[in-house]
Protein backbone atom coordinates (compact mmCIF):
# COMPACT_ATOMS: atom_id res chain seq x y z
CA MET A 1 88.35 128.28 74.05
CA THR A 2 88.08 124.33 74.63
CA ASN A 3 87.32 121.35 72.52
CA ASP A 4 85.13 118.43 73.74
CA GLN A 5 87.75 115.75 74.18
CA PRO A 6 88.74 115.60 78.05
CA VAL A 7 92.20 115.71 78.71
CA LEU A 8 91.50 114.71 82.27
CA THR A 9 88.83 112.36 83.42
CA ALA A 10 87.64 110.71 86.67
CA SER A 11 85.28 108.00 86.71
CA HIS A 12 83.25 106.82 89.67
CA LEU A 13 85.75 107.61 92.41
CA HIS A 14 85.34 106.66 95.79
CA LYS A 15 87.76 107.19 98.50
CA ALA A 16 87.66 106.48 102.12
CA PHE A 17 90.35 107.09 105.07
CA PRO A 18 90.86 105.22 108.30
CA SER A 19 89.96 106.83 111.44
CA ARG A 20 89.58 105.50 115.34
CA ARG A 21 85.83 104.96 114.63
CA GLY A 22 86.44 103.06 111.21
CA ALA A 23 86.76 104.32 107.52
CA VAL A 24 85.39 107.45 106.78
CA ALA A 25 84.15 108.03 103.24
CA ALA A 26 85.47 111.02 101.65
CA LEU A 27 84.07 110.75 98.10
CA GLU A 28 81.37 108.55 96.65
CA ASP A 29 80.71 108.11 93.18
CA VAL A 30 82.30 111.36 91.70
CA SER A 31 82.87 111.61 87.92
CA VAL A 32 84.42 114.52 86.18
CA ALA A 33 85.61 115.13 82.61
CA VAL A 34 87.91 118.44 82.33
CA ARG A 35 88.42 119.67 78.75
CA PRO A 36 91.66 121.03 77.34
CA GLY A 37 92.10 124.53 78.17
CA GLU A 38 89.16 124.57 80.52
CA PHE A 39 89.16 126.43 83.97
CA LEU A 40 87.02 124.46 86.28
CA SER A 41 86.15 125.46 89.96
CA VAL A 42 85.39 122.89 92.71
CA VAL A 43 83.28 124.29 95.52
CA GLY A 44 81.50 122.70 98.47
CA PRO A 45 81.07 122.73 102.37
CA SER A 46 84.29 122.29 104.44
CA GLY A 47 85.24 118.56 104.65
CA CYS A 48 83.20 117.63 101.46
CA GLY A 49 86.25 115.85 99.62
CA LYS A 50 87.36 118.60 97.70
CA THR A 51 91.03 118.58 98.49
CA THR A 52 90.74 114.69 98.09
CA LEU A 53 89.61 114.98 94.69
CA LEU A 54 92.37 117.30 93.73
CA ARG A 55 94.90 114.75 95.09
CA LEU A 56 93.29 111.71 93.08
CA LEU A 57 93.34 114.00 89.85
CA ALA A 58 97.02 114.75 90.55
CA GLY A 59 97.84 111.11 91.00
CA LEU A 60 99.12 111.64 94.58
CA ILE A 61 96.69 109.07 96.01
CA ALA A 62 94.96 106.11 94.50
CA PRO A 63 91.31 105.66 94.65
CA ASP A 64 89.28 102.84 96.46
CA ALA A 65 87.35 102.13 93.60
CA GLY A 66 87.02 104.06 90.06
CA GLU A 67 89.86 105.61 88.11
CA VAL A 68 91.42 108.66 86.82
CA ARG A 69 92.87 108.97 83.08
CA PHE A 70 95.10 111.66 81.77
CA ASN A 71 94.63 111.87 77.90
CA GLY A 72 93.07 108.39 78.05
CA ALA A 73 95.80 106.77 79.98
CA LEU A 74 95.25 105.41 83.40
CA LEU A 75 96.76 107.90 86.21
CA THR A 76 98.52 105.71 88.71
CA GLU A 77 101.33 108.32 89.85
CA PRO A 78 102.22 111.78 89.72
CA ARG A 79 103.05 113.19 86.41
CA ALA A 80 105.47 116.24 85.33
CA GLU A 81 102.47 117.38 82.92
CA ILE A 82 100.23 117.85 86.14
CA GLY A 83 101.28 120.76 88.29
CA VAL A 84 99.73 121.32 91.73
CA VAL A 85 99.76 124.21 94.06
CA PHE A 86 98.57 123.94 97.51
CA GLN A 87 97.46 126.57 100.25
CA ASN A 88 100.60 126.50 102.00
CA ALA A 89 103.41 127.74 99.68
CA ASN A 90 106.01 125.48 101.28
CA LEU A 91 108.93 127.47 100.09
CA MET A 92 112.33 126.56 101.60
CA PRO A 93 113.43 129.53 103.51
CA TRP A 94 117.23 129.02 102.82
CA ARG A 95 116.65 129.06 99.11
CA THR A 96 116.29 132.06 97.01
CA VAL A 97 112.98 132.62 94.97
CA ALA A 98 114.91 131.37 91.68
CA ASP A 99 116.37 128.48 93.52
CA ASN A 100 112.76 127.58 95.07
CA VAL A 101 111.41 127.39 91.53
CA ARG A 102 114.39 125.27 90.21
CA LEU A 103 114.09 122.64 92.81
CA PRO A 104 111.83 120.38 90.83
CA LEU A 105 114.39 120.61 87.94
CA GLU A 106 117.08 119.81 90.31
CA VAL A 107 115.50 116.63 91.15
CA GLU A 108 114.95 115.82 87.70
CA LYS A 109 118.79 116.51 86.87
CA LEU A 110 117.92 118.84 84.19
CA PRO A 111 120.96 120.60 82.45
CA SER A 112 121.56 123.71 84.22
CA ALA A 113 121.27 126.06 81.18
CA GLU A 114 117.95 124.45 80.27
CA ALA A 115 116.81 124.72 84.14
CA ALA A 116 117.96 128.61 84.35
CA GLY A 117 115.79 129.09 80.88
CA ARG A 118 112.76 127.45 82.70
CA VAL A 119 112.96 129.09 85.74
CA GLN A 120 113.26 132.50 84.01
CA ALA A 121 110.34 131.91 81.91
CA ALA A 122 108.08 130.73 85.20
CA LEU A 123 109.01 133.63 87.20
CA SER A 124 108.26 135.90 84.11
CA MET A 125 104.79 134.61 83.68
CA VAL A 126 104.04 135.25 87.46
CA GLY A 127 105.77 138.75 87.16
CA LEU A 128 108.44 137.99 89.82
CA VAL A 129 111.81 138.23 87.72
CA GLU A 130 113.25 141.08 89.36
CA PHE A 131 112.41 139.06 92.96
CA ALA A 132 114.42 136.00 91.81
CA ALA A 133 117.54 136.86 94.13
CA ASN A 134 115.02 137.23 97.18
CA TYR A 135 114.33 134.96 99.88
CA PRO A 136 110.84 133.82 101.18
CA HIS A 137 110.67 135.92 104.11
CA GLU A 138 111.26 139.22 102.26
CA LEU A 139 107.97 138.62 100.08
CA SER A 140 104.20 139.18 100.90
CA GLY A 141 102.13 136.13 101.24
CA GLY A 142 100.84 137.06 97.71
CA MET A 143 104.19 136.79 96.45
CA GLN A 144 105.10 133.74 97.96
CA GLN A 145 101.93 132.04 96.36
CA ARG A 146 103.08 133.33 92.96
CA VAL A 147 106.45 131.46 93.59
CA ALA A 148 104.58 128.60 94.65
CA ILE A 149 102.71 128.85 90.97
CA ALA A 150 105.91 129.26 89.40
CA ARG A 151 107.62 126.32 90.88
CA ALA A 152 104.38 124.20 89.49
CA LEU A 153 104.79 125.86 86.24
CA VAL A 154 108.44 125.34 85.52
CA HIS A 155 107.71 121.47 84.28
CA GLN A 156 105.94 123.09 81.60
CA PRO A 157 102.33 121.26 82.77
CA LYS A 158 99.63 121.01 80.59
CA ILE A 159 97.16 121.05 83.70
CA LEU A 160 97.48 123.11 86.46
CA LEU A 161 95.66 121.97 89.92
CA LEU A 162 95.08 124.68 92.31
CA ASP A 163 93.85 123.73 96.18
CA GLU A 164 92.76 126.98 97.83
CA PRO A 165 96.14 128.92 96.87
CA PHE A 166 94.87 132.31 98.01
CA GLY A 167 92.63 130.94 101.00
CA ALA A 168 95.08 132.49 103.61
CA LEU A 169 95.48 135.92 101.87
CA ASP A 170 93.45 139.04 102.60
CA ALA A 171 90.67 139.84 100.55
CA LEU A 172 92.21 142.48 98.48
CA THR A 173 95.28 140.74 97.68
CA ARG A 174 93.23 137.68 96.70
CA GLU A 175 91.31 139.65 94.46
CA ARG A 176 94.35 141.06 92.70
CA LEU A 177 95.81 137.40 92.22
CA ASN A 178 92.62 136.22 90.89
CA GLU A 179 93.12 138.83 88.05
CA GLU A 180 96.85 137.65 87.87
CA LEU A 181 95.85 134.12 87.67
CA LEU A 182 93.29 134.93 84.84
CA ARG A 183 95.71 136.70 82.89
CA LEU A 184 98.10 133.93 83.35
CA TRP A 185 95.44 131.23 82.21
CA GLN A 186 94.58 133.37 79.21
CA THR A 187 98.11 133.80 77.89
CA SER A 188 99.37 130.16 78.61
CA HIS A 189 96.11 128.35 77.57
CA LYS A 190 96.64 125.72 80.63
CA THR A 191 94.02 123.69 81.76
CA VAL A 192 93.26 124.69 85.18
CA VAL A 193 91.21 122.76 87.99
CA MET A 194 90.96 125.11 91.21
CA VAL A 195 89.30 124.20 94.60
CA THR A 196 87.92 127.21 96.54
CA HIS A 197 85.57 127.84 99.46
CA ASN A 198 84.89 131.31 97.81
CA ILE A 199 81.62 131.19 95.81
CA ARG A 200 82.34 134.53 94.04
CA GLU A 201 86.03 133.47 93.32
CA ALA A 202 84.90 130.44 91.68
CA VAL A 203 82.45 132.16 89.44
CA PHE A 204 84.93 134.81 88.55
CA LEU A 205 87.39 132.48 87.34
CA ALA A 206 85.76 129.50 85.99
CA ASP A 207 83.99 128.08 82.69
CA ARG A 208 82.31 125.68 84.94
CA VAL A 209 81.78 125.41 88.61
CA LEU A 210 81.32 121.96 90.06
CA VAL A 211 79.44 121.60 93.54
CA LEU A 212 80.30 118.83 95.93
CA SER A 213 77.84 117.73 98.51
CA PRO A 214 78.67 117.38 102.42
CA ARG A 215 80.77 114.22 103.04
CA PRO A 216 80.88 111.75 101.55
CA GLY A 217 81.28 114.35 98.64
CA ARG A 218 79.16 113.68 95.70
CA LEU A 219 78.92 115.87 92.25
CA THR A 220 75.54 117.56 92.75
CA ALA A 221 75.78 120.24 90.14
CA ALA A 222 77.80 121.57 87.14
CA ILE A 223 76.83 125.10 86.48
CA PRO A 224 78.42 126.72 83.34
CA VAL A 225 79.75 130.24 83.63
CA GLU A 226 78.30 131.75 80.41
CA ILE A 227 79.80 135.50 81.03
CA PRO A 228 82.03 136.95 78.32
CA ARG A 229 86.10 136.95 78.68
CA PRO A 230 88.09 138.85 79.40
CA ARG A 231 86.60 139.40 82.94
CA LYS A 232 87.55 142.38 85.01
CA LEU A 233 86.98 142.89 88.83
CA SER A 234 84.08 145.13 88.18
CA LEU A 235 82.24 141.97 87.05
CA LEU A 236 81.73 141.22 90.71
CA TYR A 237 79.17 143.96 90.89
CA ASP A 238 77.33 142.63 87.80
CA GLY A 239 73.93 141.38 87.59
CA ALA A 240 74.59 138.39 85.58
CA PHE A 241 77.56 137.65 87.70
CA ASN A 242 75.41 137.38 90.81
CA ASP A 243 72.95 135.56 89.31
CA VAL A 244 75.38 132.65 88.67
CA ALA A 245 76.85 133.13 92.34
CA TYR A 246 73.32 132.71 93.72
CA ARG A 247 72.67 129.41 91.57
CA VAL A 248 75.98 128.14 92.85
CA ARG A 249 75.01 129.04 96.41
CA GLN A 250 71.60 127.24 96.08
CA ALA A 251 73.54 124.39 94.95
CA ILE A 252 75.51 123.98 97.83
CA GLY A 253 72.43 124.44 99.86
């Protein structure tokens, strides 16, 4: 599924944020290498810097020390090749599904015919073509998150960064979207890095699970998930799956 040459690397990242009591360290000496086509999950206790790491990998914020490189080049700002989806779908309520997905292409001033084709392709990937004319309030929470994923995919990125995209959803919807995300990943061959609080979700989706320590976040474990693909939800009750999930839980502490 992957090769050995990293597409995204983070080297010795340090990041702190100001507060009334002085600087609060979010990450300390974190290094990560993500291979093309890999699905990487990042877990750890609340406040350990998972979202900070994702924002650094996206080029949305700059590290205080260390560096991030995309295909060997220093990453200093967001790139169209790196799509980002956050926990809140952040859809514009007055725009249809198709218009929400089209928005990044409008900012780029892409020709309308090409933009329409890209929107159609992105909605097809997340299974929402028939809802293109609907408005966000007419969709379930899970469907809104799929629109947000389509909006990230419309750039045709090489890497998809996901920050707890299903964290606000009920357990059954979350499981169903995990299956859909796996299908999308397997058909698109995107590189995916996903932050989650859910250990079982992390193991179900990933090739590797990275574990961050309590703040300041340090990388304490990188656990391979050597479970065959394709994976179905029945895997959640499998002994080998539970063994890996337990290893991740122990690493978190």
